[in-house]
C-alpha atoms as a PDB file:
ATOM      1  CA  MET A   1     -96.950 -69.670 -23.757  1.00  0.00           C
ATOM      2  CA  TYR A   2     -96.154 -71.986 -21.232  1.00  0.00           C
ATOM      3  CA  MET A   3     -94.065 -74.334 -24.212  1.00  0.00           C
ATOM      4  CA  VAL A   4     -91.583 -70.903 -24.040  1.00  0.00           C
ATOM      5  CA  ASP A   5     -91.335 -70.600 -20.542  1.00  0.00           C
ATOM      6  CA  SER A   6     -90.278 -74.342 -19.721  1.00  0.00           C
ATOM      7  CA  ILE A   7     -88.214 -74.135 -23.029  1.00  0.00           C
ATOM      8  CA  LYS A   8     -86.785 -70.568 -21.459  1.00  0.00           C
ATOM      9  CA  SER A   9     -85.964 -72.486 -18.265  1.00  0.00           C
ATOM     10  CA  ILE A  10     -84.279 -75.326 -19.713  1.00  0.00           C
ATOM     11  CA  ILE A  11     -81.730 -73.766 -21.969  1.00  0.00           C
ATOM     12  CA  SER A  12     -81.641 -71.695 -18.908  1.00  0.00           C
ATOM     13  CA  LEU A  13     -79.905 -74.380 -17.096  1.00  0.00           C
ATOM     14  CA  MET A  14     -77.911 -76.100 -19.293  1.00  0.00           C
ATOM     15  CA  GLY A  15     -76.009 -73.035 -19.727  1.00  0.00           C
ATOM     16  CA  ALA A  16     -75.425 -73.190 -15.911  1.00  0.00           C
ATOM     17  CA  LYS A  17     -74.251 -76.537 -15.461  1.00  0.00           C
ATOM     18  CA  MET A  18     -71.679 -76.062 -18.886  1.00  0.00           C
ATOM     19  CA  GLN A  19     -68.314 -75.639 -17.377  1.00  0.00           C
ATOM     20  CA  VAL A  20     -65.187 -74.357 -20.207  1.00  0.00           C
ATOM     21  CA  VAL A  21     -62.616 -76.352 -19.801  1.00  0.00           C
ATOM     22  CA  GLY A  22     -59.243 -75.636 -20.464  1.00  0.00           C
ATOM     23  CA  LEU A  23     -56.595 -77.996 -22.569  1.00  0.00           C
ATOM     24  CA  PRO A  24     -55.244 -80.656 -20.880  1.00  0.00           C
ATOM     25  CA  ASN A  25     -51.214 -80.220 -19.637  1.00  0.00           C
ATOM     26  CA  THR A  26     -50.568 -76.827 -21.025  1.00  0.00           C
ATOM     27  CA  THR A  27     -47.962 -75.712 -20.157  1.00  0.00           C
ATOM     28  CA  GLN A  28     -46.300 -72.088 -19.617  1.00  0.00           C
ATOM     29  CA  ASP A  29     -42.968 -73.045 -21.812  1.00  0.00           C
ATOM     30  CA  GLY A  30     -45.010 -73.241 -25.092  1.00  0.00           C
ATOM     31  CA  GLY A  31     -41.670 -72.439 -27.026  1.00  0.00           C
ATOM     32  CA  ALA A  32     -39.378 -74.576 -24.989  1.00  0.00           C
ATOM     33  CA  SER A  33     -41.123 -77.753 -24.902  1.00  0.00           C
ATOM     34  CA  ILE A  34     -42.047 -77.400 -29.559  1.00  0.00           C
ATOM     35  CA  LEU A  35     -38.211 -76.928 -29.826  1.00  0.00           C
ATOM     36  CA  ASP A  36     -37.857 -80.471 -27.293  1.00  0.00           C
ATOM     37  CA  ALA A  37     -39.838 -82.051 -29.784  1.00  0.00           C
ATOM     38  CA  VAL A  38     -38.901 -81.112 -32.719  1.00  0.00           C
ATOM     39  CA  LEU A  39     -34.571 -81.602 -32.016  1.00  0.00           C
ATOM     40  CA  ASN A  40     -36.306 -85.291 -30.325  1.00  0.00           C
ATOM     41  CA  ILE A  41     -37.517 -85.820 -33.733  1.00  0.00           C
ATOM     42  CA  ALA A  42     -34.029 -84.593 -35.438  1.00  0.00           C
ATOM     43  CA  TYR A  43     -33.080 -86.921 -33.658  1.00  0.00           C
ATOM     44  CA  PHE A  44     -34.696 -89.919 -34.019  1.00  0.00           C
ATOM     45  CA  THR A  45     -35.271 -89.647 -37.485  1.00  0.00           C
ATOM     46  CA  ALA A  46     -31.075 -89.452 -37.671  1.00  0.00           C
ATOM     47  CA  GLY A  47     -30.561 -92.483 -35.758  1.00  0.00           C
ATOM     48  CA  ILE A  48     -32.829 -94.178 -38.625  1.00  0.00           C
ATOM     49  CA  VAL A  49     -30.875 -92.302 -40.731  1.00  0.00           C
ATOM     50  CA  ALA A  50     -28.179 -93.955 -39.625  1.00  0.00           C
ATOM     51  CA  VAL A  51     -28.888 -97.396 -38.834  1.00  0.00           C
ATOM     52  CA  ILE A  52     -30.538 -97.701 -42.737  1.00  0.00           C
ATOM     53  CA  VAL A  53     -26.967 -96.581 -44.088  1.00  0.00           C
ATOM     54  CA  LEU A  54     -25.267 -98.617 -42.158  1.00  0.00           C
ATOM     55  CA  ILE A  55     -27.408-101.158 -43.601  1.00  0.00           C
ATOM     56  CA  ILE A  56     -26.997-100.621 -47.017  1.00  0.00           C
ATOM     57  CA  ALA A  57     -22.918-100.262 -46.586  1.00  0.00           C
ATOM     58  CA  GLY A  58     -22.712-103.709 -45.116  1.00  0.00           C
ATOM     59  CA  PHE A  59     -24.797-104.690 -48.022  1.00  0.00           C
ATOM     60  CA  LEU A  60     -22.098-102.991 -50.320  1.00  0.00           C
ATOM     61  CA  TYR A  61     -19.304-104.648 -48.925  1.00  0.00           C
ATOM     62  CA  VAL A  62     -20.362-107.739 -48.482  1.00  0.00           C
ATOM     63  CA  THR A  63     -20.946-107.996 -51.955  1.00  0.00           C
ATOM     64  CA  SER A  64     -18.220-106.338 -52.600  1.00  0.00           C
ATOM     65  CA  ASN A  65     -16.127-109.736 -53.780  1.00  0.00           C
ATOM     66  CA  GLY A  66     -12.830-108.304 -53.004  1.00  0.00           C
ATOM     67  CA  ASP A  67     -13.140-105.284 -55.507  1.00  0.00           C
ATOM     68  CA  PRO A  68     -10.859-102.293 -54.231  1.00  0.00           C
ATOM     69  CA  GLY A  69     -13.506 -99.377 -55.075  1.00  0.00           C
ATOM     70  CA  LYS A  70     -16.651-101.263 -53.568  1.00  0.00           C
ATOM     71  CA  VAL A  71     -14.638-101.903 -50.615  1.00  0.00           C
ATOM     72  CA  LYS A  72     -13.189 -99.219 -49.915  1.00  0.00           C
ATOM     73  CA  THR A  73     -17.156 -97.240 -50.876  1.00  0.00           C
ATOM     74  CA  ALA A  74     -17.979 -99.591 -48.292  1.00  0.00           C
ATOM     75  CA  LYS A  75     -16.306 -98.589 -45.834  1.00  0.00           C
ATOM     76  CA  ASN A  76     -16.428 -94.802 -46.272  1.00  0.00           C
ATOM     77  CA  ALA A  77     -20.000 -95.157 -45.950  1.00  0.00           C
ATOM     78  CA  ILE A  78     -19.272 -96.801 -42.503  1.00  0.00           C
ATOM     79  CA  LEU A  79     -16.834 -94.861 -41.498  1.00  0.00           C
ATOM     80  CA  TYR A  80     -18.783 -91.287 -42.116  1.00  0.00           C
ATOM     81  CA  THR A  81     -21.942 -92.760 -40.933  1.00  0.00           C
ATOM     82  CA  VAL A  82     -20.033 -93.912 -37.486  1.00  0.00           C
ATOM     83  CA  ILE A  83     -18.832 -90.005 -37.679  1.00  0.00           C
ATOM     84  CA  GLY A  84     -22.287 -88.599 -38.051  1.00  0.00           C
ATOM     85  CA  ILE A  85     -23.520 -90.732 -35.230  1.00  0.00           C
ATOM     86  CA  VAL A  86     -21.449 -88.990 -32.894  1.00  0.00           C
ATOM     87  CA  PHE A  87     -21.892 -85.626 -34.035  1.00  0.00           C
ATOM     88  CA  VAL A  88     -25.520 -85.952 -33.257  1.00  0.00           C
ATOM     89  CA  LEU A  89     -24.628 -87.531 -30.004  1.00  0.00           C
ATOM     90  CA  PHE A  90     -22.359 -84.499 -29.206  1.00  0.00           C
ATOM     91  CA  ALA A  91     -25.578 -82.058 -30.415  1.00  0.00           C
ATOM     92  CA  ALA A  92     -27.745 -84.127 -27.879  1.00  0.00           C
ATOM     93  CA  VAL A  93     -25.091 -83.940 -24.968  1.00  0.00           C
ATOM     94  CA  ILE A  94     -24.551 -80.157 -25.994  1.00  0.00           C
ATOM     95  CA  THR A  95     -28.533 -79.198 -25.662  1.00  0.00           C
ATOM     96  CA  ALA A  96     -28.934 -81.213 -22.957  1.00  0.00           C
ATOM     97  CA  PHE A  97     -26.239 -79.013 -21.247  1.00  0.00           C
ATOM     98  CA  VAL A  98     -27.669 -75.772 -22.513  1.00  0.00           C
ATOM     99  CA  ARG A  99     -31.525 -76.421 -21.470  1.00  0.00           C
ATOM    100  CA  SER A 100     -30.249 -77.795 -17.771  1.00  0.00           C
ATOM    101  CA  GLU A 101     -28.367 -74.149 -17.403  1.00  0.00           C
ATOM    102  CA  VAL A 102     -30.968 -72.184 -18.855  1.00  0.00           C
ATOM    103  CA  SER A 103     -33.399 -73.562 -16.329  1.00  0.00           C
ATOM    104  CA  LYS A 104     -31.816 -72.859 -13.685  1.00  0.00           C
END
């Protein structure tokens, strides 16, 4: 009986010392922070893709050997990639502006 009482007292002491701890860095704007994370991933991915396409287009331009068709293809790839980068930058500016206006 003594053993059972001591086990009960140990368990009750362990239960008294336990604390429930919340998740670290939790915020009330969960949806907004998720949206920010998704947008950051999208901008990062767009930047990586743009760099890869620019490298490939530059390689095509260098290896075109003066062939007008290949030169035109490489120049168009570079032009369209730069236009895409500009659109992504505008999108980032617009989303940052909207976020700042909504959070006021």
